[in-house]
PDB file of N, CA and C in Angstrom:
ATOM      1  N   MET A   1    -122.552 -21.369 -60.876  1.00  0.00           N
ATOM      2  CA  MET A   1    -122.584 -20.091 -61.547  1.00  0.00           C
ATOM      3  C   MET A   1    -123.404 -19.119 -60.715  1.00  0.00           C
ATOM      4  N   PHE A   2    -122.790 -18.509 -59.719  1.00  0.00           N
ATOM      5  CA  PHE A   2    -123.412 -17.522 -58.847  1.00  0.00           C
ATOM      6  C   PHE A   2    -124.634 -18.075 -58.119  1.00  0.00           C
ATOM      7  N   GLY A   3    -124.735 -19.369 -57.953  1.00  0.00           N
ATOM      8  CA  GLY A   3    -125.851 -19.957 -57.244  1.00  0.00           C
ATOM      9  C   GLY A   3    -127.140 -19.973 -58.047  1.00  0.00           C
ATOM     10  N   LEU A   4    -127.056 -19.742 -59.350  1.00  0.00           N
ATOM     11  CA  LEU A   4    -128.243 -19.767 -60.198  1.00  0.00           C
ATOM     12  C   LEU A   4    -128.335 -21.116 -60.900  1.00  0.00           C
ATOM     13  N   GLY A   5    -129.451 -21.760 -60.730  1.00  0.00           N
ATOM     14  CA  GLY A   5    -129.683 -23.023 -61.414  1.00  0.00           C
ATOM     15  C   GLY A   5    -130.551 -22.809 -62.643  1.00  0.00           C
ATOM     16  N   MET A   6    -130.905 -23.888 -63.294  1.00  0.00           N
ATOM     17  CA  MET A   6    -131.719 -23.804 -64.494  1.00  0.00           C
ATOM     18  C   MET A   6    -133.105 -23.207 -64.216  1.00  0.00           C
ATOM     19  N   PRO A   7    -133.785 -23.576 -63.135  1.00  0.00           N
ATOM     20  CA  PRO A   7    -135.107 -22.967 -62.893  1.00  0.00           C
ATOM     21  C   PRO A   7    -135.047 -21.446 -62.715  1.00  0.00           C
ATOM     22  N   GLU A   8    -134.020 -20.957 -62.026  1.00  0.00           N
ATOM     23  CA  GLU A   8    -133.886 -19.522 -61.824  1.00  0.00           C
ATOM     24  C   GLU A   8    -133.636 -18.803 -63.146  1.00  0.00           C
ATOM     25  N   LEU A   9    -132.783 -19.386 -64.002  1.00  0.00           N
ATOM     26  CA  LEU A   9    -132.503 -18.774 -65.295  1.00  0.00           C
ATOM     27  C   LEU A   9    -133.742 -18.728 -66.182  1.00  0.00           C
ATOM     28  N   ILE A  10    -134.562 -19.767 -66.125  1.00  0.00           N
ATOM     29  CA  ILE A  10    -135.793 -19.795 -66.910  1.00  0.00           C
ATOM     30  C   ILE A  10    -136.756 -18.711 -66.430  1.00  0.00           C
ATOM     31  N   VAL A  11    -136.860 -18.543 -65.112  1.00  0.00           N
ATOM     32  CA  VAL A  11    -137.733 -17.499 -64.567  1.00  0.00           C
ATOM     33  C   VAL A  11    -137.239 -16.120 -65.010  1.00  0.00           C
ATOM     34  N   ILE A  12    -135.942 -15.889 -64.961  1.00  0.00           N
ATOM     35  CA  ILE A  12    -135.379 -14.606 -65.391  1.00  0.00           C
ATOM     36  C   ILE A  12    -135.661 -14.371 -66.872  1.00  0.00           C
ATOM     37  N   LEU A  13    -135.503 -15.397 -67.694  1.00  0.00           N
ATOM     38  CA  LEU A  13    -135.774 -15.270 -69.125  1.00  0.00           C
ATOM     39  C   LEU A  13    -137.244 -14.964 -69.390  1.00  0.00           C
ATOM     40  N   VAL A  14    -138.146 -15.606 -68.671  1.00  0.00           N
ATOM     41  CA  VAL A  14    -139.584 -15.348 -68.848  1.00  0.00           C
ATOM     42  C   VAL A  14    -139.924 -13.923 -68.435  1.00  0.00           C
ATOM     43  N   ILE A  15    -139.358 -13.444 -67.355  1.00  0.00           N
ATOM     44  CA  ILE A  15    -139.610 -12.071 -66.917  1.00  0.00           C
ATOM     45  C   ILE A  15    -139.080 -11.079 -67.952  1.00  0.00           C
ATOM     46  N   ALA A  16    -137.872 -11.326 -68.471  1.00  0.00           N
ATOM     47  CA  ALA A  16    -137.316 -10.447 -69.500  1.00  0.00           C
ATOM     48  C   ALA A  16    -138.185 -10.463 -70.751  1.00  0.00           C
ATOM     49  N   LEU A  17    -138.709 -11.629 -71.103  1.00  0.00           N
ATOM     50  CA  LEU A  17    -139.588 -11.748 -72.263  1.00  0.00           C
ATOM     51  C   LEU A  17    -140.868 -10.948 -72.060  1.00  0.00           C
ATOM     52  N   LEU A  18    -141.417 -10.993 -70.866  1.00  0.00           N
ATOM     53  CA  LEU A  18    -142.640 -10.245 -70.579  1.00  0.00           C
ATOM     54  C   LEU A  18    -142.402  -8.728 -70.575  1.00  0.00           C
ATOM     55  N   ILE A  19    -141.267  -8.316 -70.055  1.00  0.00           N
ATOM     56  CA  ILE A  19    -140.982  -6.885 -69.944  1.00  0.00           C
ATOM     57  C   ILE A  19    -140.651  -6.281 -71.310  1.00  0.00           C
ATOM     58  N   PHE A  20    -139.752  -6.919 -72.058  1.00  0.00           N
ATOM     59  CA  PHE A  20    -139.257  -6.326 -73.294  1.00  0.00           C
ATOM     60  C   PHE A  20    -139.972  -6.820 -74.547  1.00  0.00           C
ATOM     61  N   GLY A  21    -140.553  -7.988 -74.514  1.00  0.00           N
ATOM     62  CA  GLY A  21    -141.201  -8.536 -75.696  1.00  0.00           C
ATOM     63  C   GLY A  21    -140.222  -9.330 -76.542  1.00  0.00           C
ATOM     64  N   ALA A  22    -140.749 -10.229 -77.347  1.00  0.00           N
ATOM     65  CA  ALA A  22    -139.908 -11.128 -78.138  1.00  0.00           C
ATOM     66  C   ALA A  22    -139.138 -10.392 -79.229  1.00  0.00           C
ATOM     67  N   SER A  23    -139.687  -9.317 -79.740  1.00  0.00           N
ATOM     68  CA  SER A  23    -139.011  -8.617 -80.835  1.00  0.00           C
ATOM     69  C   SER A  23    -137.812  -7.806 -80.362  1.00  0.00           C
ATOM     70  N   ARG A  24    -137.795  -7.395 -79.111  1.00  0.00           N
ATOM     71  CA  ARG A  24    -136.703  -6.557 -78.597  1.00  0.00           C
ATOM     72  C   ARG A  24    -135.551  -7.355 -78.001  1.00  0.00           C
ATOM     73  N   LEU A  25    -135.767  -8.609 -77.628  1.00  0.00           N
ATOM     74  CA  LEU A  25    -134.704  -9.381 -76.977  1.00  0.00           C
ATOM     75  C   LEU A  25    -133.453  -9.544 -77.847  1.00  0.00           C
ATOM     76  N   PRO A  26    -133.555  -9.885 -79.138  1.00  0.00           N
ATOM     77  CA  PRO A  26    -132.337  -9.982 -79.952  1.00  0.00           C
ATOM     78  C   PRO A  26    -131.605  -8.640 -80.062  1.00  0.00           C
ATOM     79  N   GLU A  27    -132.358  -7.565 -80.125  1.00  0.00           N
ATOM     80  CA  GLU A  27    -131.783  -6.226 -80.188  1.00  0.00           C
ATOM     81  C   GLU A  27    -130.984  -5.923 -78.916  1.00  0.00           C
ATOM     82  N   ILE A  28    -131.552  -6.260 -77.787  1.00  0.00           N
ATOM     83  CA  ILE A  28    -130.890  -6.027 -76.498  1.00  0.00           C
ATOM     84  C   ILE A  28    -129.644  -6.903 -76.382  1.00  0.00           C
ATOM     85  N   GLY A  29    -129.753  -8.156 -76.807  1.00  0.00           N
ATOM     86  CA  GLY A  29    -128.603  -9.068 -76.755  1.00  0.00           C
ATOM     87  C   GLY A  29    -127.449  -8.591 -77.613  1.00  0.00           C
ATOM     88  N   SER A  30    -127.748  -8.113 -78.822  1.00  0.00           N
ATOM     89  CA  SER A  30    -126.667  -7.634 -79.692  1.00  0.00           C
ATOM     90  C   SER A  30    -126.041  -6.365 -79.115  1.00  0.00           C
ATOM     91  N   GLY A  31    -126.848  -5.514 -78.506  1.00  0.00           N
ATOM     92  CA  GLY A  31    -126.304  -4.309 -77.876  1.00  0.00           C
ATOM     93  C   GLY A  31    -125.364  -4.633 -76.729  1.00  0.00           C
ATOM     94  N   ILE A  32    -125.739  -5.604 -75.918  1.00  0.00           N
ATOM     95  CA  ILE A  32    -124.883  -6.022 -74.801  1.00  0.00           C
ATOM     96  C   ILE A  32    -123.595  -6.643 -75.329  1.00  0.00           C
ATOM     97  N   GLY A  33    -123.701  -7.450 -76.382  1.00  0.00           N
ATOM     98  CA  GLY A  33    -122.511  -8.063 -76.980  1.00  0.00           C
ATOM     99  C   GLY A  33    -121.547  -7.027 -77.522  1.00  0.00           C
ATOM    100  N   LYS A  34    -122.054  -6.001 -78.204  1.00  0.00           N
ATOM    101  CA  LYS A  34    -121.206  -4.938 -78.731  1.00  0.00           C
ATOM    102  C   LYS A  34    -120.538  -4.167 -77.603  1.00  0.00           C
ATOM    103  N   ALA A  35    -121.278  -3.932 -76.539  1.00  0.00           N
ATOM    104  CA  ALA A  35    -120.702  -3.205 -75.397  1.00  0.00           C
ATOM    105  C   ALA A  35    -119.568  -3.992 -74.767  1.00  0.00           C
ATOM    106  N   ILE A  36    -119.743  -5.294 -74.627  1.00  0.00           N
ATOM    107  CA  ILE A  36    -118.688  -6.127 -74.046  1.00  0.00           C
ATOM    108  C   ILE A  36    -117.464  -6.157 -74.947  1.00  0.00           C
ATOM    109  N   ARG A  37    -117.671  -6.277 -76.275  1.00  0.00           N
ATOM    110  CA  ARG A  37    -116.536  -6.275 -77.213  1.00  0.00           C
ATOM    111  C   ARG A  37    -115.788  -4.955 -77.149  1.00  0.00           C
ATOM    112  N   ASN A  38    -116.504  -3.835 -77.126  1.00  0.00           N
ATOM    113  CA  ASN A  38    -115.855  -2.524 -77.054  1.00  0.00           C
ATOM    114  C   ASN A  38    -115.088  -2.352 -75.750  1.00  0.00           C
ATOM    115  N   PHE A  39    -115.636  -2.857 -74.663  1.00  0.00           N
ATOM    116  CA  PHE A  39    -114.946  -2.771 -73.378  1.00  0.00           C
ATOM    117  C   PHE A  39    -113.646  -3.562 -73.402  1.00  0.00           C
ATOM    118  N   LYS A  40    -113.695  -4.791 -73.913  1.00  0.00           N
ATOM    119  CA  LYS A  40    -112.483  -5.611 -73.992  1.00  0.00           C
ATOM    120  C   LYS A  40    -111.443  -4.960 -74.890  1.00  0.00           C
ATOM    121  N   LYS A  41    -111.887  -4.385 -75.993  1.00  0.00           N
ATOM    122  CA  LYS A  41    -110.972  -3.729 -76.927  1.00  0.00           C
ATOM    123  C   LYS A  41    -110.300  -2.530 -76.264  1.00  0.00           C
ATOM    124  N   SER A  42    -111.069  -1.748 -75.520  1.00  0.00           N
ATOM    125  CA  SER A  42    -110.504  -0.562 -74.881  1.00  0.00           C
ATOM    126  C   SER A  42    -109.544  -0.923 -73.753  1.00  0.00           C
ATOM    127  N   VAL A  43    -109.752  -2.046 -73.114  1.00  0.00           N
ATOM    128  CA  VAL A  43    -108.856  -2.466 -72.041  1.00  0.00           C
ATOM    129  C   VAL A  43    -107.517  -2.907 -72.618  1.00  0.00           C
ATOM    130  N   LYS A  44    -107.518  -3.547 -73.778  1.00  0.00           N
ATOM    131  CA  LYS A  44    -106.294  -4.074 -74.378  1.00  0.00           C
ATOM    132  C   LYS A  44    -105.459  -3.004 -75.065  1.00  0.00           C
ATOM    133  N   GLU A  45    -106.083  -1.952 -75.596  1.00  0.00           N
ATOM    134  CA  GLU A  45    -105.362  -0.927 -76.341  1.00  0.00           C
ATOM    135  C   GLU A  45    -104.715   0.086 -75.407  1.00  0.00           C
ATOM    136  N   PRO A  46    -103.553   0.631 -75.816  1.00  0.00           N
ATOM    137  CA  PRO A  46    -102.945   1.708 -75.021  1.00  0.00           C
ATOM    138  C   PRO A  46    -103.767   2.985 -75.172  1.00  0.00           C
ATOM    139  N   PRO A  47    -103.647   3.895 -74.238  1.00  0.00           N
ATOM    140  CA  PRO A  47    -104.416   5.145 -74.342  1.00  0.00           C
ATOM    141  C   PRO A  47    -103.984   5.937 -75.572  1.00  0.00           C
ATOM    142  N   GLU A  48    -104.929   6.598 -76.232  1.00  0.00           N
ATOM    143  CA  GLU A  48    -104.635   7.354 -77.438  1.00  0.00           C
ATOM    144  C   GLU A  48    -104.067   8.737 -77.132  1.00  0.00           C
ATOM    145  N   ILE A  49    -104.390   9.263 -75.976  1.00  0.00           N
ATOM    146  CA  ILE A  49    -103.964  10.615 -75.634  1.00  0.00           C
ATOM    147  C   ILE A  49    -102.837  10.539 -74.608  1.00  0.00           C
ATOM    148  N   ASP A  50    -101.744  11.235 -74.892  1.00  0.00           N
ATOM    149  CA  ASP A  50    -100.620  11.292 -73.965  1.00  0.00           C
ATOM    150  C   ASP A  50    -100.868  12.446 -73.000  1.00  0.00           C
ATOM    151  N   ILE A  51    -101.029  12.129 -71.719  1.00  0.00           N
ATOM    152  CA  ILE A  51    -101.350  13.158 -70.731  1.00  0.00           C
ATOM    153  C   ILE A  51    -100.143  13.543 -69.878  1.00  0.00           C
ATOM    154  N   THR A  52     -98.935  13.161 -70.338  1.00  0.00           N
ATOM    155  CA  THR A  52     -97.725  13.499 -69.606  1.00  0.00           C
ATOM    156  C   THR A  52     -97.475  15.003 -69.728  1.00  0.00           C
ATOM    157  N   PRO A  53     -97.210  15.691 -68.607  1.00  0.00           N
ATOM    158  CA  PRO A  53     -96.930  17.129 -68.680  1.00  0.00           C
ATOM    159  C   PRO A  53     -95.719  17.415 -69.555  1.00  0.00           C
ATOM    160  N   GLU A  54     -95.706  18.570 -70.218  1.00  0.00           N
ATOM    161  CA  GLU A  54     -94.631  18.935 -71.144  1.00  0.00           C
ATOM    162  C   GLU A  54     -93.265  18.964 -70.449  1.00  0.00           C
ATOM    163  N   GLU A  55     -93.220  19.418 -69.206  1.00  0.00           N
ATOM    164  CA  GLU A  55     -91.942  19.501 -68.486  1.00  0.00           C
ATOM    165  C   GLU A  55     -91.303  18.124 -68.362  1.00  0.00           C
ATOM    166  N   LYS A  56     -92.092  17.135 -68.020  1.00  0.00           N
ATOM    167  CA  LYS A  56     -91.544  15.792 -67.854  1.00  0.00           C
ATOM    168  C   LYS A  56     -91.106  15.219 -69.189  1.00  0.00           C
ATOM    169  N   LYS A  57     -91.819  15.544 -70.273  1.00  0.00           N
ATOM    170  CA  LYS A  57     -91.413  15.080 -71.594  1.00  0.00           C
ATOM    171  C   LYS A  57     -90.050  15.643 -71.954  1.00  0.00           C
ATOM    172  N   LEU A  58     -89.859  16.941 -71.684  1.00  0.00           N
ATOM    173  CA  LEU A  58     -88.577  17.572 -71.992  1.00  0.00           C
ATOM    174  C   LEU A  58     -87.460  16.991 -71.140  1.00  0.00           C
ATOM    175  N   GLU A  59     -87.732  16.760 -69.857  1.00  0.00           N
ATOM    176  CA  GLU A  59     -86.717  16.165 -68.973  1.00  0.00           C
ATOM    177  C   GLU A  59     -86.333  14.777 -69.450  1.00  0.00           C
ATOM    178  N   ALA A  60     -87.281  13.985 -69.837  1.00  0.00           N
ATOM    179  CA  ALA A  60     -87.017  12.626 -70.312  1.00  0.00           C
ATOM    180  C   ALA A  60     -86.221  12.667 -71.615  1.00  0.00           C
ATOM    181  N   LYS A  61     -86.559  13.616 -72.493  1.00  0.00           N
ATOM    182  CA  LYS A  61     -85.848  13.731 -73.767  1.00  0.00           C
ATOM    183  C   LYS A  61     -84.412  14.150 -73.520  1.00  0.00           C
ATOM    184  N   GLU A  62     -84.195  15.123 -72.636  1.00  0.00           N
ATOM    185  CA  GLU A  62     -82.840  15.587 -72.332  1.00  0.00           C
ATOM    186  C   GLU A  62     -82.017  14.474 -71.680  1.00  0.00           C
ATOM    187  N   ALA A  63     -82.638  13.711 -70.786  1.00  0.00           N
ATOM    188  CA  ALA A  63     -81.930  12.620 -70.126  1.00  0.00           C
ATOM    189  C   ALA A  63     -81.534  11.554 -71.141  1.00  0.00           C
ATOM    190  N   ALA A  64     -82.386  11.280 -72.084  1.00  0.00           N
ATOM    191  CA  ALA A  64     -82.075  10.292 -73.100  1.00  0.00           C
ATOM    192  C   ALA A  64     -80.944  10.767 -74.000  1.00  0.00           C
ATOM    193  N   GLU A  65     -80.917  12.084 -74.311  1.00  0.00           N
ATOM    194  CA  GLU A  65     -79.851  12.636 -75.127  1.00  0.00           C
ATOM    195  C   GLU A  65     -78.512  12.591 -74.405  1.00  0.00           C
ATOM    196  N   GLU A  66     -78.509  12.858 -73.092  1.00  0.00           N
ATOM    197  CA  GLU A  66     -77.281  12.832 -72.310  1.00  0.00           C
ATOM    198  C   GLU A  66     -76.704  11.420 -72.231  1.00  0.00           C
ATOM    199  N   LYS A  67     -77.568  10.447 -72.117  1.00  0.00           N
ATOM    200  CA  LYS A  67     -77.097   9.064 -72.048  1.00  0.00           C
ATOM    201  C   LYS A  67     -76.509   8.588 -73.365  1.00  0.00           C
ATOM    202  N   SER A  68     -77.013   9.123 -74.473  1.00  0.00           N
ATOM    203  CA  SER A  68     -76.525   8.684 -75.783  1.00  0.00           C
ATOM    204  C   SER A  68     -75.194   9.328 -76.124  1.00  0.00           C
ATOM    205  N   ASP A  69     -74.814  10.431 -75.431  1.00  0.00           N
ATOM    206  CA  ASP A  69     -73.543  11.112 -75.704  1.00  0.00           C
ATOM    207  C   ASP A  69     -72.386  10.376 -75.162  1.00  0.00           C
TER     208      ASP A  69
END
């Protein structure tokens, strides 16, 4: 796992504990988890805003109508 063993992970956890304190670590973890969930959700969903220029929309609509005739 990226060349990190158990001793390195323990050192990182101790440093994070010293910097942020025990009361803030769960808060930080939940924030990171929510960010990851939102990122995955946004990647899977189609875009909400259609940015296709109006001219191309009209051309596509006209082409579809011609094919159906």
